[in-house]
Amino acid sequence: KDKKYVSVSGGINASSTFSESTAGGKRDPFTYLLSGNATVSLWGLVNIPLSFTLTNLGTTYNYQFPTLPSKLSLHPRYKWVTTHIGQFSTSHSAYGMNGLPMNGFGVDLAPRGGFKYSVYYGTLQRSVEYVPGGARVVQPAYNRKGYGAKVIYENGKTKLASSVFYGKDLYNSIKNKPDNLQIYPQQNIALTAEVSLPVFASMLLTTEYGVSVL
């Protein structure tokens, strides 16, 4: 039997822009954008969705957050294990980690049975150096790291879930401290709990509670 060991599908897009202005400014005169997505399948068992964006937009500036204009995202999946590499976002709770983009690594585990697990770690914000007295394109910022985990148990219509998120600015990630701009390093921990129970045949009672300490 003929069997494809590797198959690839997807698309790619390329564009460029040239601009000129007599008013001056800091816009790049020539920019390009190359973006695309693809799915690589290995032996029909391992699927690797891939998305990427490559651009020279903003190479003359400091970008504060959430991520660089150029990005790469990989999501290899094998059976009940899914990994996230590069730039991705996750939503564990409306009161904790909820859709913030990060550059890092994450794993989702969904084995047989009622339990599911999710963990992640990455950079939520890049550092931007403070230049006293200089012109600022963006506000200075500390490098911000974040990590967390979530555990879910489901049995029919009954669901129990708990998550934790911890984020922290790295104090030594910038040399000059922008205290006079009232920008200080921060850290945050958020804990959430969720319960969903069937009340009647067609009704669920869902309660979610979250605590955040900044």
C-alpha atoms as a PDB file:
ATOM      1  CA  LYS A   1       0.000   0.000   0.000  1.00  0.00           C
ATOM      2  CA  ASP A   2       1.179   3.497  -0.803  1.00  0.00           C
ATOM      3  CA  LYS A   3       1.408   5.594   2.335  1.00  0.00           C
ATOM      4  CA  LYS A   4       2.379   9.230   2.631  1.00  0.00           C
ATOM      5  CA  TYR A   5       4.913   9.621   5.385  1.00  0.00           C
ATOM      6  CA  VAL A   6       4.907  13.428   5.154  1.00  0.00           C
ATOM      7  CA  SER A   7       2.194  15.673   3.756  1.00  0.00           C
ATOM      8  CA  VAL A   8       2.047  19.483   3.764  1.00  0.00           C
ATOM      9  CA  SER A   9      -0.875  21.811   3.081  1.00  0.00           C
ATOM     10  CA  GLY A  10      -1.321  25.545   3.532  1.00  0.00           C
ATOM     11  CA  GLY A  11      -0.806  28.908   1.906  1.00  0.00           C
ATOM     12  CA  ILE A  12       1.546  31.882   1.755  1.00  0.00           C
ATOM     13  CA  ASN A  13       1.090  35.601   1.136  1.00  0.00           C
ATOM     14  CA  ALA A  14       3.672  38.277   0.281  1.00  0.00           C
ATOM     15  CA  SER A  15       3.303  42.047   0.011  1.00  0.00           C
ATOM     16  CA  SER A  16       5.481  45.161   0.108  1.00  0.00           C
ATOM     17  CA  THR A  17       4.938  48.886   0.596  1.00  0.00           C
ATOM     18  CA  PHE A  18       7.011  51.891  -0.420  1.00  0.00           C
ATOM     19  CA  SER A  19       6.262  55.305   1.060  1.00  0.00           C
ATOM     20  CA  GLU A  20       7.834  58.755   0.785  1.00  0.00           C
ATOM     21  CA  SER A  21       6.914  61.910   2.665  1.00  0.00           C
ATOM     22  CA  THR A  22       8.249  65.460   2.623  1.00  0.00           C
ATOM     23  CA  ALA A  23       6.990  65.904   6.182  1.00  0.00           C
ATOM     24  CA  GLY A  24       9.658  63.636   7.554  1.00  0.00           C
ATOM     25  CA  GLY A  25       8.803  61.167  10.283  1.00  0.00           C
ATOM     26  CA  LYS A  26      10.129  57.810  11.337  1.00  0.00           C
ATOM     27  CA  ARG A  27       8.136  55.527   9.093  1.00  0.00           C
ATOM     28  CA  ASP A  28      10.218  52.979   7.232  1.00  0.00           C
ATOM     29  CA  PRO A  29      10.302  53.939   3.516  1.00  0.00           C
ATOM     30  CA  PHE A  30      10.148  50.300   2.425  1.00  0.00           C
ATOM     31  CA  THR A  31       8.437  47.487   4.286  1.00  0.00           C
ATOM     32  CA  TYR A  32       7.681  43.913   3.378  1.00  0.00           C
ATOM     33  CA  LEU A  33       5.326  41.336   4.843  1.00  0.00           C
ATOM     34  CA  LEU A  34       5.526  37.596   4.353  1.00  0.00           C
ATOM     35  CA  SER A  35       2.900  35.522   6.108  1.00  0.00           C
ATOM     36  CA  GLY A  36       1.447  32.074   5.801  1.00  0.00           C
ATOM     37  CA  ASN A  37       0.193  28.948   7.457  1.00  0.00           C
ATOM     38  CA  ALA A  38       0.787  25.280   6.910  1.00  0.00           C
ATOM     39  CA  THR A  39      -0.061  21.929   8.415  1.00  0.00           C
ATOM     40  CA  VAL A  40       2.556  19.182   8.356  1.00  0.00           C
ATOM     41  CA  SER A  41       1.331  15.629   8.914  1.00  0.00           C
ATOM     42  CA  LEU A  42       3.804  12.870   9.807  1.00  0.00           C
ATOM     43  CA  TRP A  43       2.667   9.303   9.126  1.00  0.00           C
ATOM     44  CA  GLY A  44      -0.902  10.457   9.632  1.00  0.00           C
ATOM     45  CA  LEU A  45      -0.292  10.453  13.391  1.00  0.00           C
ATOM     46  CA  VAL A  46       1.505  13.694  14.236  1.00  0.00           C
ATOM     47  CA  ASN A  47      -0.018  16.965  13.023  1.00  0.00           C
ATOM     48  CA  ILE A  48       2.013  20.173  13.231  1.00  0.00           C
ATOM     49  CA  PRO A  49       0.055  23.364  12.465  1.00  0.00           C
ATOM     50  CA  LEU A  50       2.447  26.216  11.641  1.00  0.00           C
ATOM     51  CA  SER A  51       1.836  29.930  11.203  1.00  0.00           C
ATOM     52  CA  PHE A  52       4.382  32.664  10.642  1.00  0.00           C
ATOM     53  CA  THR A  53       4.770  36.372   9.905  1.00  0.00           C
ATOM     54  CA  LEU A  54       8.044  37.877   8.742  1.00  0.00           C
ATOM     55  CA  THR A  55       8.357  41.641   8.326  1.00  0.00           C
ATOM     56  CA  ASN A  56      10.856  44.460   8.659  1.00  0.00           C
ATOM     57  CA  LEU A  57       8.143  46.795   9.963  1.00  0.00           C
ATOM     58  CA  GLY A  58       9.350  48.619  13.021  1.00  0.00           C
ATOM     59  CA  THR A  59      12.943  47.396  12.949  1.00  0.00           C
ATOM     60  CA  THR A  60      14.081  50.934  13.788  1.00  0.00           C
ATOM     61  CA  TYR A  61      11.881  51.133  16.897  1.00  0.00           C
ATOM     62  CA  ASN A  62      11.559  49.503  20.288  1.00  0.00           C
ATOM     63  CA  TYR A  63       8.335  47.545  20.489  1.00  0.00           C
ATOM     64  CA  GLN A  64       6.918  47.309  24.011  1.00  0.00           C
ATOM     65  CA  PHE A  65       4.274  44.595  23.878  1.00  0.00           C
ATOM     66  CA  PRO A  66       2.809  42.158  23.388  1.00  0.00           C
ATOM     67  CA  THR A  67       5.220  40.617  20.872  1.00  0.00           C
ATOM     68  CA  LEU A  68       7.529  41.378  18.003  1.00  0.00           C
ATOM     69  CA  PRO A  69       5.994  42.068  14.570  1.00  0.00           C
ATOM     70  CA  SER A  70       7.711  38.969  13.189  1.00  0.00           C
ATOM     71  CA  LYS A  71       6.438  35.780  14.769  1.00  0.00           C
ATOM     72  CA  LEU A  72       6.469  32.019  14.500  1.00  0.00           C
ATOM     73  CA  SER A  73       3.968  29.611  16.012  1.00  0.00           C
ATOM     74  CA  LEU A  74       4.102  25.802  16.125  1.00  0.00           C
ATOM     75  CA  HIS A  75       1.406  23.527  17.572  1.00  0.00           C
ATOM     76  CA  PRO A  76       2.568  19.894  17.260  1.00  0.00           C
ATOM     77  CA  ARG A  77      -0.174  17.434  18.180  1.00  0.00           C
ATOM     78  CA  TYR A  78       0.101  13.697  18.826  1.00  0.00           C
ATOM     79  CA  LYS A  79      -2.923  11.781  20.085  1.00  0.00           C
ATOM     80  CA  TRP A  80      -3.937  13.534  23.347  1.00  0.00           C
ATOM     81  CA  VAL A  81      -0.820  15.709  23.661  1.00  0.00           C
ATOM     82  CA  THR A  82      -0.755  19.189  22.094  1.00  0.00           C
ATOM     83  CA  THR A  83       2.206  21.543  22.449  1.00  0.00           C
ATOM     84  CA  HIS A  84       2.483  25.253  21.689  1.00  0.00           C
ATOM     85  CA  ILE A  85       5.842  26.725  20.694  1.00  0.00           C
ATOM     86  CA  GLY A  86       6.552  30.348  19.801  1.00  0.00           C
ATOM     87  CA  GLN A  87       3.807  32.955  19.936  1.00  0.00           C
ATOM     88  CA  PHE A  88       0.467  31.729  21.229  1.00  0.00           C
ATOM     89  CA  SER A  89      -2.319  32.659  23.623  1.00  0.00           C
ATOM     90  CA  THR A  90      -4.412  30.694  26.074  1.00  0.00           C
ATOM     91  CA  SER A  91      -7.615  31.351  28.002  1.00  0.00           C
ATOM     92  CA  HIS A  92      -7.799  29.563  31.333  1.00  0.00           C
ATOM     93  CA  SER A  93     -10.237  31.849  33.085  1.00  0.00           C
ATOM     94  CA  ALA A  94     -11.975  35.195  32.684  1.00  0.00           C
ATOM     95  CA  TYR A  95     -10.429  36.174  36.042  1.00  0.00           C
ATOM     96  CA  GLY A  96      -6.916  34.843  35.483  1.00  0.00           C
ATOM     97  CA  MET A  97      -5.059  34.123  32.273  1.00  0.00           C
ATOM     98  CA  ASN A  98      -7.454  35.189  29.515  1.00  0.00           C
ATOM     99  CA  GLY A  99      -6.120  35.420  25.977  1.00  0.00           C
ATOM    100  CA  LEU A 100      -2.877  37.312  26.586  1.00  0.00           C
ATOM    101  CA  PRO A 101      -0.364  36.621  23.784  1.00  0.00           C
ATOM    102  CA  MET A 102       3.026  35.311  24.858  1.00  0.00           C
ATOM    103  CA  ASN A 103       6.239  33.962  23.422  1.00  0.00           C
ATOM    104  CA  GLY A 104       7.087  30.689  25.077  1.00  0.00           C
ATOM    105  CA  PHE A 105       5.984  27.113  25.487  1.00  0.00           C
ATOM    106  CA  GLY A 106       2.792  25.351  26.527  1.00  0.00           C
ATOM    107  CA  VAL A 107       1.385  21.824  26.786  1.00  0.00           C
ATOM    108  CA  ASP A 108      -2.217  20.589  26.807  1.00  0.00           C
ATOM    109  CA  LEU A 109      -2.877  17.030  27.970  1.00  0.00           C
ATOM    110  CA  ALA A 110      -6.226  15.330  27.388  1.00  0.00           C
ATOM    111  CA  PRO A 111      -5.796  11.621  28.222  1.00  0.00           C
ATOM    112  CA  ARG A 112      -8.651   9.184  28.514  1.00  0.00           C
ATOM    113  CA  GLY A 113     -10.736   9.728  31.585  1.00  0.00           C
ATOM    114  CA  GLY A 114     -12.159  12.826  33.150  1.00  0.00           C
ATOM    115  CA  PHE A 115      -8.978  14.815  33.796  1.00  0.00           C
ATOM    116  CA  LYS A 116      -7.350  17.364  31.494  1.00  0.00           C
ATOM    117  CA  TYR A 117      -4.200  19.395  32.182  1.00  0.00           C
ATOM    118  CA  SER A 118      -2.618  22.532  30.764  1.00  0.00           C
ATOM    119  CA  VAL A 119       0.636  24.331  31.584  1.00  0.00           C
ATOM    120  CA  TYR A 120       2.485  27.241  29.955  1.00  0.00           C
ATOM    121  CA  TYR A 121       5.461  29.552  30.392  1.00  0.00           C
ATOM    122  CA  GLY A 122       6.636  32.541  28.387  1.00  0.00           C
ATOM    123  CA  THR A 123       7.312  36.239  27.941  1.00  0.00           C
ATOM    124  CA  LEU A 124       4.274  38.484  28.190  1.00  0.00           C
ATOM    125  CA  GLN A 125       6.087  41.766  27.621  1.00  0.00           C
ATOM    126  CA  ARG A 126       9.457  42.671  26.162  1.00  0.00           C
ATOM    127  CA  SER A 127      11.709  45.106  27.967  1.00  0.00           C
ATOM    128  CA  VAL A 128      12.003  48.635  26.581  1.00  0.00           C
ATOM    129  CA  GLU A 129      14.919  50.670  27.912  1.00  0.00           C
ATOM    130  CA  TYR A 130      14.263  54.045  29.486  1.00  0.00           C
ATOM    131  CA  VAL A 131      16.307  56.918  28.046  1.00  0.00           C
ATOM    132  CA  PRO A 132      16.065  59.909  30.428  1.00  0.00           C
ATOM    133  CA  GLY A 133      15.414  63.107  28.506  1.00  0.00           C
ATOM    134  CA  GLY A 134      15.184  61.291  25.180  1.00  0.00           C
ATOM    135  CA  ALA A 135      12.271  61.126  22.786  1.00  0.00           C
ATOM    136  CA  ARG A 136      10.080  58.098  23.501  1.00  0.00           C
ATOM    137  CA  VAL A 137       8.235  56.228  20.778  1.00  0.00           C
ATOM    138  CA  VAL A 138       6.736  53.883  23.361  1.00  0.00           C
ATOM    139  CA  GLN A 139       6.729  53.788  27.132  1.00  0.00           C
ATOM    140  CA  PRO A 140       9.650  52.022  28.836  1.00  0.00           C
ATOM    141  CA  ALA A 141       8.764  48.614  30.206  1.00  0.00           C
ATOM    142  CA  TYR A 142      10.199  45.759  32.225  1.00  0.00           C
ATOM    143  CA  ASN A 143      10.523  42.285  30.808  1.00  0.00           C
ATOM    144  CA  ARG A 144       7.478  40.383  32.072  1.00  0.00           C
ATOM    145  CA  LYS A 145       7.405  36.615  32.497  1.00  0.00           C
ATOM    146  CA  GLY A 146       4.319  34.561  33.162  1.00  0.00           C
ATOM    147  CA  TYR A 147       3.448  30.947  33.810  1.00  0.00           C
ATOM    148  CA  GLY A 148       0.516  28.953  35.013  1.00  0.00           C
ATOM    149  CA  ALA A 149      -1.474  25.743  34.986  1.00  0.00           C
ATOM    150  CA  LYS A 150      -5.036  24.488  34.856  1.00  0.00           C
ATOM    151  CA  VAL A 151      -6.650  21.197  35.870  1.00  0.00           C
ATOM    152  CA  ILE A 152     -10.105  20.180  34.653  1.00  0.00           C
ATOM    153  CA  TYR A 153     -12.240  17.235  35.692  1.00  0.00           C
ATOM    154  CA  GLU A 154     -15.357  16.414  33.661  1.00  0.00           C
ATOM    155  CA  ASN A 155     -17.858  13.638  34.241  1.00  0.00           C
ATOM    156  CA  GLY A 156     -20.889  13.957  32.037  1.00  0.00           C
ATOM    157  CA  LYS A 157     -22.326  17.418  32.646  1.00  0.00           C
ATOM    158  CA  THR A 158     -20.386  17.880  35.865  1.00  0.00           C
ATOM    159  CA  LYS A 159     -17.234  19.975  35.584  1.00  0.00           C
ATOM    160  CA  LEU A 160     -14.667  21.030  38.176  1.00  0.00           C
ATOM    161  CA  ALA A 161     -11.732  23.244  37.237  1.00  0.00           C
ATOM    162  CA  SER A 162      -8.956  25.164  38.953  1.00  0.00           C
ATOM    163  CA  SER A 163      -6.218  27.386  37.550  1.00  0.00           C
ATOM    164  CA  VAL A 164      -3.274  29.437  38.751  1.00  0.00           C
ATOM    165  CA  PHE A 165      -1.385  32.241  37.018  1.00  0.00           C
ATOM    166  CA  TYR A 166       1.769  34.019  38.151  1.00  0.00           C
ATOM    167  CA  GLY A 167       3.404  36.951  36.397  1.00  0.00           C
ATOM    168  CA  LYS A 168       6.456  38.968  37.358  1.00  0.00           C
ATOM    169  CA  ASP A 169       8.465  41.877  35.943  1.00  0.00           C
ATOM    170  CA  LEU A 170      12.224  41.308  35.962  1.00  0.00           C
ATOM    171  CA  TYR A 171      13.747  44.222  37.889  1.00  0.00           C
ATOM    172  CA  ASN A 172      17.143  44.033  36.172  1.00  0.00           C
ATOM    173  CA  SER A 173      15.726  43.732  32.639  1.00  0.00           C
ATOM    174  CA  ILE A 174      16.240  47.482  32.086  1.00  0.00           C
ATOM    175  CA  LYS A 175      19.205  49.532  33.253  1.00  0.00           C
ATOM    176  CA  ASN A 176      17.589  52.911  33.929  1.00  0.00           C
ATOM    177  CA  LYS A 177      14.559  52.687  36.224  1.00  0.00           C
ATOM    178  CA  PRO A 178      11.609  54.860  35.047  1.00  0.00           C
ATOM    179  CA  ASP A 179      10.402  55.616  38.578  1.00  0.00           C
ATOM    180  CA  ASN A 180       9.804  59.292  37.755  1.00  0.00           C
ATOM    181  CA  LEU A 181       7.276  58.127  35.132  1.00  0.00           C
ATOM    182  CA  GLN A 182       5.542  56.077  37.840  1.00  0.00           C
ATOM    183  CA  ILE A 183       6.423  52.864  36.054  1.00  0.00           C
ATOM    184  CA  TYR A 184       7.424  50.225  38.575  1.00  0.00           C
ATOM    185  CA  PRO A 185       8.035  46.470  38.363  1.00  0.00           C
ATOM    186  CA  GLN A 186       4.974  44.450  39.292  1.00  0.00           C
ATOM    187  CA  GLN A 187       4.029  40.890  40.073  1.00  0.00           C
ATOM    188  CA  ASN A 188       0.657  39.207  40.134  1.00  0.00           C
ATOM    189  CA  ILE A 189      -0.841  35.895  41.201  1.00  0.00           C
ATOM    190  CA  ALA A 190      -4.372  34.841  40.261  1.00  0.00           C
ATOM    191  CA  LEU A 191      -6.242  31.773  41.513  1.00  0.00           C
ATOM    192  CA  THR A 192      -9.559  30.600  40.095  1.00  0.00           C
ATOM    193  CA  ALA A 193     -12.048  27.810  40.746  1.00  0.00           C
ATOM    194  CA  GLU A 194     -14.981  26.770  38.575  1.00  0.00           C
ATOM    195  CA  VAL A 195     -17.912  24.420  39.265  1.00  0.00           C
ATOM    196  CA  SER A 196     -20.580  23.390  36.783  1.00  0.00           C
ATOM    197  CA  LEU A 197     -23.400  21.077  37.941  1.00  0.00           C
ATOM    198  CA  PRO A 198     -26.561  19.832  36.239  1.00  0.00           C
ATOM    199  CA  VAL A 199     -29.672  21.135  37.974  1.00  0.00           C
ATOM    200  CA  PHE A 200     -32.301  19.780  35.615  1.00  0.00           C
ATOM    201  CA  ALA A 201     -32.095  17.790  32.407  1.00  0.00           C
ATOM    202  CA  SER A 202     -31.598  20.927  30.305  1.00  0.00           C
ATOM    203  CA  MET A 203     -30.114  23.325  32.872  1.00  0.00           C
ATOM    204  CA  LEU A 204     -26.610  23.807  34.237  1.00  0.00           C
ATOM    205  CA  LEU A 205     -25.571  25.842  37.245  1.00  0.00           C
ATOM    206  CA  THR A 206     -22.095  27.318  36.723  1.00  0.00           C
ATOM    207  CA  THR A 207     -20.106  29.245  39.317  1.00  0.00           C
ATOM    208  CA  GLU A 208     -16.626  30.706  38.931  1.00  0.00           C
ATOM    209  CA  TYR A 209     -14.598  32.444  41.620  1.00  0.00           C
ATOM    210  CA  GLY A 210     -11.298  34.222  41.206  1.00  0.00           C
ATOM    211  CA  VAL A 211      -8.789  35.963  43.466  1.00  0.00           C
ATOM    212  CA  SER A 212      -6.059  38.224  42.075  1.00  0.00           C
ATOM    213  CA  VAL A 213      -3.269  39.775  44.133  1.00  0.00           C
ATOM    214  CA  LEU A 214      -1.229  42.494  42.406  1.00  0.00           C
END
